[in-house]
Protein backbone atom coordinates (compact mmCIF):
# COMPACT_ATOMS: atom_id res chain seq x y z
CA MET A 1 54.07 -104.40 -42.73
CA SER A 2 49.51 -103.51 -44.09
CA ALA A 3 49.80 -100.88 -41.33
CA VAL A 4 52.57 -99.18 -42.08
CA ILE A 5 51.16 -98.79 -45.70
CA LEU A 6 48.22 -97.54 -43.87
CA LEU A 7 49.52 -95.02 -41.61
CA SER A 8 52.04 -94.11 -44.58
CA SER A 9 49.11 -93.22 -46.75
CA VAL A 10 47.60 -91.02 -44.26
CA VAL A 11 50.74 -88.82 -43.97
CA ILE A 12 51.54 -88.61 -47.44
CA GLY A 13 47.48 -87.92 -47.85
CA LEU A 14 47.85 -85.11 -45.18
CA ILE A 15 51.36 -83.78 -46.83
CA VAL A 16 49.52 -83.45 -49.97
CA GLY A 17 46.65 -81.45 -49.23
CA ARG A 18 48.28 -79.01 -47.22
CA ILE A 19 50.60 -78.26 -50.08
CA THR A 20 48.14 -78.94 -52.63
CA LYS A 21 45.37 -77.48 -51.93
CA ILE A 22 43.04 -79.65 -53.62
CA GLU A 23 39.39 -79.47 -51.87
CA LEU A 24 37.27 -82.63 -52.64
CA PRO A 25 34.33 -82.10 -53.25
CA GLY A 26 31.58 -82.18 -50.31
CA ASN A 27 30.38 -86.09 -50.71
CA SER A 28 33.33 -87.34 -51.95
CA VAL A 29 34.87 -89.08 -49.25
CA ALA A 30 31.62 -90.29 -48.42
CA PHE A 31 31.19 -91.44 -51.90
CA ILE A 32 34.21 -93.79 -51.44
CA LEU A 33 33.38 -94.92 -48.19
CA TYR A 34 30.18 -96.19 -50.05
CA ALA A 35 31.78 -97.24 -52.50
CA LEU A 36 34.27 -99.72 -49.90
CA VAL A 37 31.95 -101.36 -48.16
CA PHE A 38 30.02 -102.09 -51.47
CA LEU A 39 33.03 -104.05 -52.18
CA VAL A 40 32.83 -105.42 -48.45
CA GLY A 41 29.42 -106.61 -48.82
CA LEU A 42 29.76 -108.22 -52.28
CA ASP A 43 32.87 -110.25 -50.70
CA LEU A 44 31.18 -111.28 -47.11
CA SER A 45 27.86 -111.95 -49.82
CA LYS A 46 30.09 -115.36 -50.22
CA GLU A 47 29.94 -116.48 -47.11
CA LYS A 48 27.01 -118.51 -45.53
CA ILE A 49 25.31 -116.80 -42.15
CA GLU A 50 25.68 -119.63 -39.91
CA LYS A 51 23.77 -120.02 -36.40
CA ARG A 52 27.33 -119.54 -34.62
CA PHE A 53 27.98 -116.20 -36.39
CA ILE A 54 24.28 -114.57 -35.08
CA LYS A 55 26.06 -116.18 -31.46
CA ASP A 56 29.04 -114.21 -32.07
CA ILE A 57 27.40 -110.98 -32.99
CA LEU A 58 25.29 -111.00 -30.15
CA LEU A 59 28.44 -111.74 -28.12
CA VAL A 60 30.32 -108.58 -29.18
CA ILE A 61 26.95 -106.35 -29.09
CA PHE A 62 25.95 -107.21 -25.83
CA SER A 63 30.01 -107.05 -25.11
CA THR A 64 29.92 -103.24 -26.61
CA ILE A 65 27.37 -102.02 -24.85
CA VAL A 66 28.49 -103.79 -21.26
CA GLY A 67 32.00 -102.22 -21.63
CA THR A 68 31.29 -98.99 -22.78
CA LEU A 69 28.32 -98.40 -20.34
CA SER A 70 30.73 -99.71 -17.71
CA PHE A 71 33.50 -97.74 -18.71
CA ALA A 72 31.09 -94.14 -19.13
CA PHE A 73 29.94 -94.48 -15.39
CA ILE A 74 33.10 -95.32 -14.11
CA LEU A 75 34.08 -92.17 -16.14
CA SER A 76 31.47 -89.77 -14.88
CA PHE A 77 33.02 -89.79 -11.26
CA PHE A 78 35.66 -88.12 -12.32
CA VAL A 79 34.86 -85.33 -15.31
CA PRO A 80 32.29 -82.31 -13.91
CA LEU A 81 29.70 -83.54 -15.94
CA LYS A 82 26.18 -85.95 -14.55
CA LYS A 83 26.06 -89.78 -14.93
CA LEU A 84 23.23 -89.74 -17.25
CA GLU A 85 25.14 -86.93 -19.16
CA VAL A 86 28.32 -88.90 -19.62
CA LEU A 87 25.86 -92.45 -20.41
CA ALA A 88 24.44 -89.91 -23.32
CA ALA A 89 27.09 -89.20 -24.75
CA ALA A 90 28.98 -92.18 -24.33
CA SER A 91 25.77 -94.42 -25.93
CA GLY A 92 26.36 -92.86 -29.47
CA PHE A 93 28.77 -95.97 -29.64
CA GLY A 94 31.27 -94.41 -31.91
CA TRP A 95 28.58 -92.73 -34.15
CA TYR A 96 29.29 -89.40 -33.64
CA SER A 97 27.82 -87.47 -35.88
CA LEU A 98 23.71 -88.82 -34.72
CA SER A 99 24.30 -89.18 -31.52
CA SER A 100 25.77 -84.95 -30.92
CA ILE A 101 23.07 -84.12 -33.96
CA LEU A 102 20.38 -85.90 -31.50
CA ILE A 103 21.74 -84.75 -27.57
CA SER A 104 22.01 -80.75 -29.39
CA ALA A 105 18.89 -80.86 -30.42
CA SER A 106 17.20 -82.23 -27.64
CA TYR A 107 19.09 -81.27 -24.27
CA SER A 108 21.90 -79.34 -24.65
CA ALA A 109 24.74 -78.20 -27.99
CA TYR A 110 27.83 -78.59 -24.76
CA LEU A 111 26.66 -82.45 -23.90
CA GLY A 112 26.27 -82.95 -28.33
CA SER A 113 29.82 -81.54 -28.90
CA ILE A 114 31.24 -83.73 -26.02
CA SER A 115 29.40 -86.46 -27.35
CA PHE A 116 31.23 -85.79 -30.66
CA PHE A 117 34.71 -85.46 -29.56
CA ALA A 118 34.54 -88.54 -27.66
CA ASN A 119 33.41 -90.94 -30.30
CA VAL A 120 35.45 -89.78 -32.46
CA ILE A 121 38.25 -89.87 -30.13
CA ARG A 122 36.21 -93.59 -29.76
CA GLU A 123 36.65 -94.10 -33.82
CA LEU A 124 40.43 -92.63 -34.17
CA ILE A 125 41.72 -95.60 -31.46
CA ALA A 126 40.07 -98.79 -32.90
CA ILE A 127 41.50 -97.34 -36.15
CA VAL A 128 44.83 -97.43 -34.94
CA ILE A 129 44.23 -100.50 -33.05
CA ALA A 130 42.83 -102.49 -35.48
CA PRO A 131 46.01 -103.50 -36.96
CA PHE A 132 47.36 -104.71 -33.88
CA GLY A 133 44.16 -105.77 -32.03
CA LEU A 134 42.75 -108.06 -34.48
CA LYS A 135 45.70 -110.42 -33.63
CA LYS A 136 44.92 -110.28 -30.31
CA SER A 137 41.17 -110.27 -29.82
CA LYS A 138 38.59 -109.86 -33.44
CA HIS A 139 36.15 -109.59 -30.59
CA GLY A 140 37.55 -107.00 -28.22
CA THR A 141 38.52 -104.72 -31.85
CA ILE A 142 34.99 -105.37 -33.14
CA SER A 143 33.72 -104.20 -29.76
CA VAL A 144 36.39 -101.29 -29.38
CA ALA A 145 35.21 -100.06 -32.90
CA GLY A 146 31.33 -99.64 -32.16
CA ALA A 147 28.71 -98.81 -34.54
CA THR A 148 31.73 -97.92 -37.26
CA SER A 149 32.60 -101.22 -37.12
CA MET A 150 30.20 -101.60 -39.88
CA ASP A 151 31.34 -98.49 -42.15
CA THR A 152 34.83 -97.23 -41.62
CA LEU A 153 36.13 -99.61 -39.83
CA LEU A 154 35.26 -102.78 -42.00
CA GLY A 155 37.52 -102.35 -44.88
CA LEU A 156 40.55 -102.37 -42.05
CA ILE A 157 38.93 -105.12 -40.27
CA ALA A 158 38.37 -107.54 -43.56
CA THR A 159 41.82 -106.13 -44.66
CA TYR A 160 43.26 -107.26 -41.47
CA SER A 161 41.58 -110.39 -40.27
CA ASP A 162 39.87 -113.10 -41.96
CA ARG A 163 35.43 -113.22 -44.03
CA GLU A 164 34.03 -114.65 -39.92
CA THR A 165 35.40 -112.03 -38.35
CA ALA A 166 33.91 -109.29 -41.11
CA LEU A 167 31.16 -110.82 -41.10
CA VAL A 168 30.77 -110.05 -37.53
CA SER A 169 32.63 -106.79 -37.77
CA PHE A 170 29.12 -106.12 -40.41
CA GLY A 171 26.98 -107.21 -38.27
CA HIS A 172 27.70 -105.98 -35.21
CA GLY A 173 27.65 -102.35 -36.66
CA PHE A 174 24.33 -102.65 -38.26
CA ILE A 175 22.94 -103.36 -35.05
CA VAL A 176 24.46 -101.02 -32.47
CA SER A 177 23.72 -98.40 -35.59
CA ILE A 178 20.19 -98.99 -35.54
CA LEU A 179 20.49 -99.23 -31.27
CA VAL A 180 22.04 -95.64 -31.20
CA PRO A 181 19.06 -93.71 -31.23
CA PHE A 182 16.82 -95.95 -28.89
CA THR A 183 20.02 -95.69 -26.29
CA VAL A 184 21.09 -91.96 -26.69
CA ASN A 185 17.52 -90.68 -26.76
CA PHE A 186 16.83 -93.45 -23.36
CA PHE A 187 19.20 -91.23 -21.21
CA LEU A 188 17.88 -87.85 -22.47
CA ASN A 189 14.36 -89.04 -21.25
CA LEU A 190 15.95 -89.79 -17.51
CA LEU A 191 18.15 -86.61 -17.82
CA LYS A 192 13.97 -84.56 -18.45
CA THR A 193 12.60 -85.94 -15.95
C-alpha cells in the first residue's frame, strides 16, 4: 500500500506542477532532502552500532563494487565505448552529479553525459524496486541504490525495512560516496595512459 501512496505522490506532483506551473526555489528540493536525511539520522542515532553492522556494511560495499564493475565490464562488449570508459562511467555508483562532472572535466563531456544518464537510471531503478526489493533482498536493494543509499533512497529504505537495514544503508552509502572520486579517477587515469 505504501508503494501505491509513494507512486501516487509522484504522479500528483507531476500533474500539479504541469497545471499550476509552480516553481520551487532552486535549493528547496535539496533542503527537503537534507531534512529527510537529518530525520532518518536522528532515528538511527538510537541504534547501537554492533560489529555485525560493520560486517554487513563491508559486505554490501564489496557486492556493490564487484557487481557494478562486473556488469559494466560485460556491458562494454555491447556498446561502442572502450571498456575503461564504461567502467569509469559506472564507477559513479549512482552519484550522477559528481561522476559526470569529474568525467566531463578531465576526459570527455560525452562520456560525462553517459555517466550522468547511467547513474540517474540506476537511482530511478532503485527507487522503483525499493518497496518490493527490500522484501526479497535488503542488502541487494541497498547495493542497487549505490551511493544514493545514504540520501535519496535512505527514506524509502527506512520506510520499507527496519532500523538495522537503514543503518547498513546509511553506512554503505556514506563509504561508497567517499570511494566515488577515487574509483572514477582511477579509471580515468588508466584511460589517459
